[in-house]
Amino acid sequence: MKTVQIRLDSIDKVKSFVNIITKYDTDFDLISGRYVIDAKSIMGIFSLDLSRPIDLAIHNDGCDEILDVLKPFII
């Protein structure tokens, strides 16, 4: 598992992020404070405080390709 901080501070960024990660057969969690949601759930993402950075947990050991694709969102 790998954890990185991301920022999703606009509706377009959220839609783009979800479209990218749904292409992978890997589990992704977004962690904000005490809340943990499925990162592939667009409704779940909008329930978080998007004004602050969010931790993205990638449940895959070989996630270098995923990290390259997600560079625009990583802080």
PDB file of N, CA and C in Angstrom:
ATOM      1  N   MET A   1       0.843  -1.182   0.000  1.00  0.00           N
ATOM      2  CA  MET A   1       0.000   0.000   0.000  1.00  0.00           C
ATOM      3  C   MET A   1       0.885   1.240   0.000  1.00  0.00           C
ATOM      4  N   LYS A   2       0.473   2.240  -0.763  1.00  0.00           N
ATOM      5  CA  LYS A   2       1.197   3.511  -0.867  1.00  0.00           C
ATOM      6  C   LYS A   2       0.208   4.625  -0.577  1.00  0.00           C
ATOM      7  N   THR A   3       0.637   5.642   0.180  1.00  0.00           N
ATOM      8  CA  THR A   3      -0.225   6.780   0.495  1.00  0.00           C
ATOM      9  C   THR A   3       0.440   8.071   0.028  1.00  0.00           C
ATOM     10  N   VAL A   4      -0.317   8.900  -0.675  1.00  0.00           N
ATOM     11  CA  VAL A   4       0.154  10.206  -1.137  1.00  0.00           C
ATOM     12  C   VAL A   4      -0.922  11.239  -0.837  1.00  0.00           C
ATOM     13  N   GLN A   5      -0.524  12.501  -0.757  1.00  0.00           N
ATOM     14  CA  GLN A   5      -1.492  13.575  -0.560  1.00  0.00           C
ATOM     15  C   GLN A   5      -1.867  14.164  -1.906  1.00  0.00           C
ATOM     16  N   ILE A   6      -3.169  14.384  -2.085  1.00  0.00           N
ATOM     17  CA  ILE A   6      -3.662  14.963  -3.328  1.00  0.00           C
ATOM     18  C   ILE A   6      -4.543  16.164  -3.016  1.00  0.00           C
ATOM     19  N   ARG A   7      -4.807  16.955  -4.045  1.00  0.00           N
ATOM     20  CA  ARG A   7      -5.724  18.086  -3.906  1.00  0.00           C
ATOM     21  C   ARG A   7      -6.749  17.993  -5.030  1.00  0.00           C
ATOM     22  N   LEU A   8      -8.021  18.004  -4.639  1.00  0.00           N
ATOM     23  CA  LEU A   8      -9.143  17.979  -5.585  1.00  0.00           C
ATOM     24  C   LEU A   8      -9.994  19.201  -5.300  1.00  0.00           C
ATOM     25  N   ASP A   9      -9.561  20.363  -5.774  1.00  0.00           N
ATOM     26  CA  ASP A   9     -10.206  21.615  -5.376  1.00  0.00           C
ATOM     27  C   ASP A   9     -11.168  22.196  -6.414  1.00  0.00           C
ATOM     28  N   SER A  10     -11.571  21.385  -7.385  1.00  0.00           N
ATOM     29  CA  SER A  10     -12.594  21.837  -8.337  1.00  0.00           C
ATOM     30  C   SER A  10     -13.398  20.636  -8.827  1.00  0.00           C
ATOM     31  N   ILE A  11     -14.565  20.920  -9.351  1.00  0.00           N
ATOM     32  CA  ILE A  11     -15.440  19.852  -9.854  1.00  0.00           C
ATOM     33  C   ILE A  11     -14.771  19.133 -11.017  1.00  0.00           C
ATOM     34  N   ASP A  12     -14.114  19.890 -11.895  1.00  0.00           N
ATOM     35  CA  ASP A  12     -13.439  19.272 -13.040  1.00  0.00           C
ATOM     36  C   ASP A  12     -12.319  18.342 -12.605  1.00  0.00           C
ATOM     37  N   LYS A  13     -11.580  18.729 -11.569  1.00  0.00           N
ATOM     38  CA  LYS A  13     -10.508  17.865 -11.058  1.00  0.00           C
ATOM     39  C   LYS A  13     -11.077  16.573 -10.482  1.00  0.00           C
ATOM     40  N   VAL A  14     -12.192  16.670  -9.767  1.00  0.00           N
ATOM     41  CA  VAL A  14     -12.817  15.476  -9.186  1.00  0.00           C
ATOM     42  C   VAL A  14     -13.264  14.530 -10.293  1.00  0.00           C
ATOM     43  N   LYS A  15     -13.933  15.060 -11.322  1.00  0.00           N
ATOM     44  CA  LYS A  15     -14.397  14.214 -12.427  1.00  0.00           C
ATOM     45  C   LYS A  15     -13.229  13.565 -13.154  1.00  0.00           C
ATOM     46  N   SER A  16     -12.196  14.332 -13.415  1.00  0.00           N
ATOM     47  CA  SER A  16     -11.016  13.800 -14.096  1.00  0.00           C
ATOM     48  C   SER A  16     -10.333  12.719 -13.259  1.00  0.00           C
ATOM     49  N   PHE A  17     -10.198  12.965 -11.958  1.00  0.00           N
ATOM     50  CA  PHE A  17      -9.581  12.002 -11.040  1.00  0.00           C
ATOM     51  C   PHE A  17     -10.342  10.687 -11.036  1.00  0.00           C
ATOM     52  N   VAL A  18     -11.660  10.754 -10.902  1.00  0.00           N
ATOM     53  CA  VAL A  18     -12.485   9.533 -10.859  1.00  0.00           C
ATOM     54  C   VAL A  18     -12.406   8.790 -12.186  1.00  0.00           C
ATOM     55  N   ASN A  19     -12.428   9.507 -13.301  1.00  0.00           N
ATOM     56  CA  ASN A  19     -12.319   8.859 -14.614  1.00  0.00           C
ATOM     57  C   ASN A  19     -10.998   8.119 -14.767  1.00  0.00           C
ATOM     58  N   ILE A  20      -9.929   8.682 -14.228  1.00  0.00           N
ATOM     59  CA  ILE A  20      -8.615   8.037 -14.328  1.00  0.00           C
ATOM     60  C   ILE A  20      -8.550   6.776 -13.470  1.00  0.00           C
ATOM     61  N   ILE A  21      -8.942   6.874 -12.205  1.00  0.00           N
ATOM     62  CA  ILE A  21      -8.735   5.718 -11.316  1.00  0.00           C
ATOM     63  C   ILE A  21      -9.723   4.587 -11.553  1.00  0.00           C
ATOM     64  N   THR A  22     -10.870   4.864 -12.168  1.00  0.00           N
ATOM     65  CA  THR A  22     -11.805   3.769 -12.443  1.00  0.00           C
ATOM     66  C   THR A  22     -11.276   2.832 -13.525  1.00  0.00           C
ATOM     67  N   LYS A  23     -10.251   3.248 -14.255  1.00  0.00           N
ATOM     68  CA  LYS A  23      -9.647   2.390 -15.278  1.00  0.00           C
ATOM     69  C   LYS A  23      -8.771   1.301 -14.673  1.00  0.00           C
ATOM     70  N   TYR A  24      -8.429   1.437 -13.397  1.00  0.00           N
ATOM     71  CA  TYR A  24      -7.536   0.475 -12.738  1.00  0.00           C
ATOM     72  C   TYR A  24      -8.320  -0.479 -11.854  1.00  0.00           C
ATOM     73  N   ASP A  25      -7.926  -1.742 -11.881  1.00  0.00           N
ATOM     74  CA  ASP A  25      -8.555  -2.768 -11.045  1.00  0.00           C
ATOM     75  C   ASP A  25      -7.801  -2.849  -9.714  1.00  0.00           C
ATOM     76  N   THR A  26      -7.783  -1.733  -9.017  1.00  0.00           N
ATOM     77  CA  THR A  26      -7.093  -1.595  -7.740  1.00  0.00           C
ATOM     78  C   THR A  26      -8.016  -0.847  -6.797  1.00  0.00           C
ATOM     79  N   ASP A  27      -7.892  -1.102  -5.505  1.00  0.00           N
ATOM     80  CA  ASP A  27      -8.690  -0.370  -4.527  1.00  0.00           C
ATOM     81  C   ASP A  27      -7.983   0.927  -4.159  1.00  0.00           C
ATOM     82  N   PHE A  28      -8.750   2.015  -4.120  1.00  0.00           N
ATOM     83  CA  PHE A  28      -8.255   3.329  -3.737  1.00  0.00           C
ATOM     84  C   PHE A  28      -9.150   3.858  -2.622  1.00  0.00           C
ATOM     85  N   ASP A  29      -8.545   4.399  -1.566  1.00  0.00           N
ATOM     86  CA  ASP A  29      -9.298   5.036  -0.487  1.00  0.00           C
ATOM     87  C   ASP A  29      -8.852   6.476  -0.350  1.00  0.00           C
ATOM     88  N   LEU A  30      -9.799   7.356  -0.054  1.00  0.00           N
ATOM     89  CA  LEU A  30      -9.484   8.734   0.286  1.00  0.00           C
ATOM     90  C   LEU A  30      -9.707   8.899   1.780  1.00  0.00           C
ATOM     91  N   ILE A  31      -8.724   9.486   2.454  1.00  0.00           N
ATOM     92  CA  ILE A  31      -8.765   9.627   3.903  1.00  0.00           C
ATOM     93  C   ILE A  31      -8.678  11.109   4.237  1.00  0.00           C
ATOM     94  N   SER A  32      -9.702  11.606   4.907  1.00  0.00           N
ATOM     95  CA  SER A  32      -9.742  13.000   5.329  1.00  0.00           C
ATOM     96  C   SER A  32     -10.200  13.028   6.779  1.00  0.00           C
ATOM     97  N   GLY A  33      -9.248  13.279   7.680  1.00  0.00           N
ATOM     98  CA  GLY A  33      -9.579  13.240   9.105  1.00  0.00           C
ATOM     99  C   GLY A  33      -9.956  11.836   9.513  1.00  0.00           C
ATOM    100  N   ARG A  34     -11.151  11.682  10.044  1.00  0.00           N
ATOM    101  CA  ARG A  34     -11.593  10.343  10.472  1.00  0.00           C
ATOM    102  C   ARG A  34     -12.451   9.640   9.434  1.00  0.00           C
ATOM    103  N   TYR A  35     -12.620  10.265   8.277  1.00  0.00           N
ATOM    104  CA  TYR A  35     -13.441   9.690   7.215  1.00  0.00           C
ATOM    105  C   TYR A  35     -12.580   8.957   6.184  1.00  0.00           C
ATOM    106  N   VAL A  36     -13.026   7.755   5.819  1.00  0.00           N
ATOM    107  CA  VAL A  36     -12.378   6.966   4.769  1.00  0.00           C
ATOM    108  C   VAL A  36     -13.468   6.585   3.778  1.00  0.00           C
ATOM    109  N   ILE A  37     -13.257   6.979   2.508  1.00  0.00           N
ATOM    110  CA  ILE A  37     -14.257   6.664   1.493  1.00  0.00           C
ATOM    111  C   ILE A  37     -13.583   6.007   0.294  1.00  0.00           C
ATOM    112  N   ASP A  38     -14.376   5.337  -0.506  1.00  0.00           N
ATOM    113  CA  ASP A  38     -13.903   4.731  -1.744  1.00  0.00           C
ATOM    114  C   ASP A  38     -13.626   5.856  -2.733  1.00  0.00           C
ATOM    115  N   ALA A  39     -12.396   5.939  -3.239  1.00  0.00           N
ATOM    116  CA  ALA A  39     -11.999   7.029  -4.126  1.00  0.00           C
ATOM    117  C   ALA A  39     -12.691   6.964  -5.484  1.00  0.00           C
ATOM    118  N   LYS A  40     -13.296   5.841  -5.817  1.00  0.00           N
ATOM    119  CA  LYS A  40     -14.005   5.719  -7.094  1.00  0.00           C
ATOM    120  C   LYS A  40     -15.445   6.222  -6.993  1.00  0.00           C
ATOM    121  N   SER A  41     -15.852   6.662  -5.804  1.00  0.00           N
ATOM    122  CA  SER A  41     -17.209   7.162  -5.581  1.00  0.00           C
ATOM    123  C   SER A  41     -17.221   8.685  -5.666  1.00  0.00           C
ATOM    124  N   ILE A  42     -17.769   9.193  -6.750  1.00  0.00           N
ATOM    125  CA  ILE A  42     -17.797  10.645  -6.933  1.00  0.00           C
ATOM    126  C   ILE A  42     -18.664  11.318  -5.870  1.00  0.00           C
ATOM    127  N   MET A  43     -19.739  10.678  -5.460  1.00  0.00           N
ATOM    128  CA  MET A  43     -20.590  11.242  -4.406  1.00  0.00           C
ATOM    129  C   MET A  43     -19.854  11.243  -3.066  1.00  0.00           C
ATOM    130  N   GLY A  44     -19.089  10.192  -2.810  1.00  0.00           N
ATOM    131  CA  GLY A  44     -18.306  10.136  -1.583  1.00  0.00           C
ATOM    132  C   GLY A  44     -17.261  11.238  -1.526  1.00  0.00           C
ATOM    133  N   ILE A  45     -16.624  11.508  -2.659  1.00  0.00           N
ATOM    134  CA  ILE A  45     -15.600  12.557  -2.701  1.00  0.00           C
ATOM    135  C   ILE A  45     -16.217  13.908  -2.370  1.00  0.00           C
ATOM    136  N   PHE A  46     -17.402  14.190  -2.898  1.00  0.00           N
ATOM    137  CA  PHE A  46     -18.031  15.476  -2.632  1.00  0.00           C
ATOM    138  C   PHE A  46     -18.523  15.605  -1.188  1.00  0.00           C
ATOM    139  N   SER A  47     -18.518  14.524  -0.426  1.00  0.00           N
ATOM    140  CA  SER A  47     -18.882  14.617   0.990  1.00  0.00           C
ATOM    141  C   SER A  47     -17.690  15.035   1.855  1.00  0.00           C
ATOM    142  N   LEU A  48     -16.481  15.078   1.260  1.00  0.00           N
ATOM    143  CA  LEU A  48     -15.281  15.464   1.998  1.00  0.00           C
ATOM    144  C   LEU A  48     -15.047  16.973   1.912  1.00  0.00           C
ATOM    145  N   ASP A  49     -14.192  17.468   2.797  1.00  0.00           N
ATOM    146  CA  ASP A  49     -13.768  18.865   2.763  1.00  0.00           C
ATOM    147  C   ASP A  49     -12.679  18.990   1.697  1.00  0.00           C
ATOM    148  N   LEU A  50     -13.036  19.477   0.512  1.00  0.00           N
ATOM    149  CA  LEU A  50     -12.107  19.528  -0.611  1.00  0.00           C
ATOM    150  C   LEU A  50     -11.195  20.753  -0.581  1.00  0.00           C
ATOM    151  N   SER A  51     -11.355  21.603   0.416  1.00  0.00           N
ATOM    152  CA  SER A  51     -10.474  22.768   0.521  1.00  0.00           C
ATOM    153  C   SER A  51      -9.130  22.398   1.148  1.00  0.00           C
ATOM    154  N   ARG A  52      -9.043  21.207   1.714  1.00  0.00           N
ATOM    155  CA  ARG A  52      -7.805  20.739   2.344  1.00  0.00           C
ATOM    156  C   ARG A  52      -7.248  19.560   1.554  1.00  0.00           C
ATOM    157  N   PRO A  53      -5.924  19.300   1.676  1.00  0.00           N
ATOM    158  CA  PRO A  53      -5.350  18.112   1.025  1.00  0.00           C
ATOM    159  C   PRO A  53      -5.972  16.835   1.595  1.00  0.00           C
ATOM    160  N   ILE A  54      -6.044  15.824   0.755  1.00  0.00           N
ATOM    161  CA  ILE A  54      -6.647  14.542   1.114  1.00  0.00           C
ATOM    162  C   ILE A  54      -5.600  13.454   0.897  1.00  0.00           C
ATOM    163  N   ASP A  55      -5.561  12.470   1.804  1.00  0.00           N
ATOM    164  CA  ASP A  55      -4.654  11.342   1.631  1.00  0.00           C
ATOM    165  C   ASP A  55      -5.292  10.310   0.709  1.00  0.00           C
ATOM    166  N   LEU A  56      -4.536   9.871  -0.285  1.00  0.00           N
ATOM    167  CA  LEU A  56      -4.979   8.815  -1.197  1.00  0.00           C
ATOM    168  C   LEU A  56      -4.184   7.556  -0.876  1.00  0.00           C
ATOM    169  N   ALA A  57      -4.879   6.499  -0.480  1.00  0.00           N
ATOM    170  CA  ALA A  57      -4.243   5.210  -0.211  1.00  0.00           C
ATOM    171  C   ALA A  57      -4.480   4.304  -1.415  1.00  0.00           C
ATOM    172  N   ILE A  58      -3.371   3.844  -2.008  1.00  0.00           N
ATOM    173  CA  ILE A  58      -3.433   2.955  -3.169  1.00  0.00           C
ATOM    174  C   ILE A  58      -3.078   1.557  -2.680  1.00  0.00           C
ATOM    175  N   HIS A  59      -4.010   0.627  -2.800  1.00  0.00           N
ATOM    176  CA  HIS A  59      -3.811  -0.732  -2.294  1.00  0.00           C
ATOM    177  C   HIS A  59      -3.227  -1.622  -3.393  1.00  0.00           C
ATOM    178  N   ASN A  60      -2.014  -1.289  -3.816  1.00  0.00           N
ATOM    179  CA  ASN A  60      -1.325  -2.032  -4.865  1.00  0.00           C
ATOM    180  C   ASN A  60       0.165  -1.756  -4.702  1.00  0.00           C
ATOM    181  N   ASP A  61       0.979  -2.806  -4.671  1.00  0.00           N
ATOM    182  CA  ASP A  61       2.412  -2.611  -4.466  1.00  0.00           C
ATOM    183  C   ASP A  61       3.108  -2.034  -5.692  1.00  0.00           C
ATOM    184  N   GLY A  62       2.694  -2.414  -6.888  1.00  0.00           N
ATOM    185  CA  GLY A  62       3.312  -1.907  -8.104  1.00  0.00           C
ATOM    186  C   GLY A  62       2.544  -0.727  -8.653  1.00  0.00           C
ATOM    187  N   CYS A  63       2.585   0.402  -7.962  1.00  0.00           N
ATOM    188  CA  CYS A  63       1.718   1.526  -8.330  1.00  0.00           C
ATOM    189  C   CYS A  63       2.475   2.674  -8.996  1.00  0.00           C
ATOM    190  N   ASP A  64       3.650   2.415  -9.548  1.00  0.00           N
ATOM    191  CA  ASP A  64       4.427   3.488 -10.182  1.00  0.00           C
ATOM    192  C   ASP A  64       3.698   4.091 -11.376  1.00  0.00           C
ATOM    193  N   GLU A  65       3.063   3.247 -12.184  1.00  0.00           N
ATOM    194  CA  GLU A  65       2.315   3.737 -13.345  1.00  0.00           C
ATOM    195  C   GLU A  65       1.143   4.606 -12.900  1.00  0.00           C
ATOM    196  N   ILE A  66       0.461   4.178 -11.858  1.00  0.00           N
ATOM    197  CA  ILE A  66      -0.678   4.933 -11.337  1.00  0.00           C
ATOM    198  C   ILE A  66      -0.218   6.298 -10.825  1.00  0.00           C
ATOM    199  N   LEU A  67       0.899   6.328 -10.120  1.00  0.00           N
ATOM    200  CA  LEU A  67       1.414   7.593  -9.595  1.00  0.00           C
ATOM    201  C   LEU A  67       1.806   8.554 -10.719  1.00  0.00           C
ATOM    202  N   ASP A  68       2.343   8.020 -11.806  1.00  0.00           N
ATOM    203  CA  ASP A  68       2.695   8.874 -12.943  1.00  0.00           C
ATOM    204  C   ASP A  68       1.453   9.530 -13.545  1.00  0.00           C
ATOM    205  N   VAL A  69       0.381   8.769 -13.667  1.00  0.00           N
ATOM    206  CA  VAL A  69      -0.856   9.291 -14.252  1.00  0.00           C
ATOM    207  C   VAL A  69      -1.515  10.310 -13.318  1.00  0.00           C
ATOM    208  N   LEU A  70      -1.342  10.131 -12.010  1.00  0.00           N
ATOM    209  CA  LEU A  70      -1.998  11.005 -11.019  1.00  0.00           C
ATOM    210  C   LEU A  70      -1.146  12.211 -10.635  1.00  0.00           C
ATOM    211  N   LYS A  71      -0.005  12.435 -11.295  1.00  0.00           N
ATOM    212  CA  LYS A  71       0.885  13.556 -10.936  1.00  0.00           C
ATOM    213  C   LYS A  71       0.187  14.919 -10.871  1.00  0.00           C
ATOM    214  N   PRO A  72      -0.761  15.224 -11.769  1.00  0.00           N
ATOM    215  CA  PRO A  72      -1.410  16.553 -11.673  1.00  0.00           C
ATOM    216  C   PRO A  72      -2.173  16.779 -10.369  1.00  0.00           C
ATOM    217  N   PHE A  73      -2.526  15.710  -9.664  1.00  0.00           N
ATOM    218  CA  PHE A  73      -3.317  15.839  -8.425  1.00  0.00           C
ATOM    219  C   PHE A  73      -2.454  15.757  -7.172  1.00  0.00           C
ATOM    220  N   ILE A  74      -1.258  15.193  -7.283  1.00  0.00           N
ATOM    221  CA  ILE A  74      -0.397  14.967  -6.123  1.00  0.00           C
ATOM    222  C   ILE A  74       0.255  16.283  -5.681  1.00  0.00           C
ATOM    223  N   ILE A  75       0.272  16.503  -4.399  1.00  0.00           N
ATOM    224  CA  ILE A  75       0.896  17.712  -3.845  1.00  0.00           C
ATOM    225  C   ILE A  75       2.383  17.469  -3.650  1.00  0.00           C
TER     226      ILE A  75
END
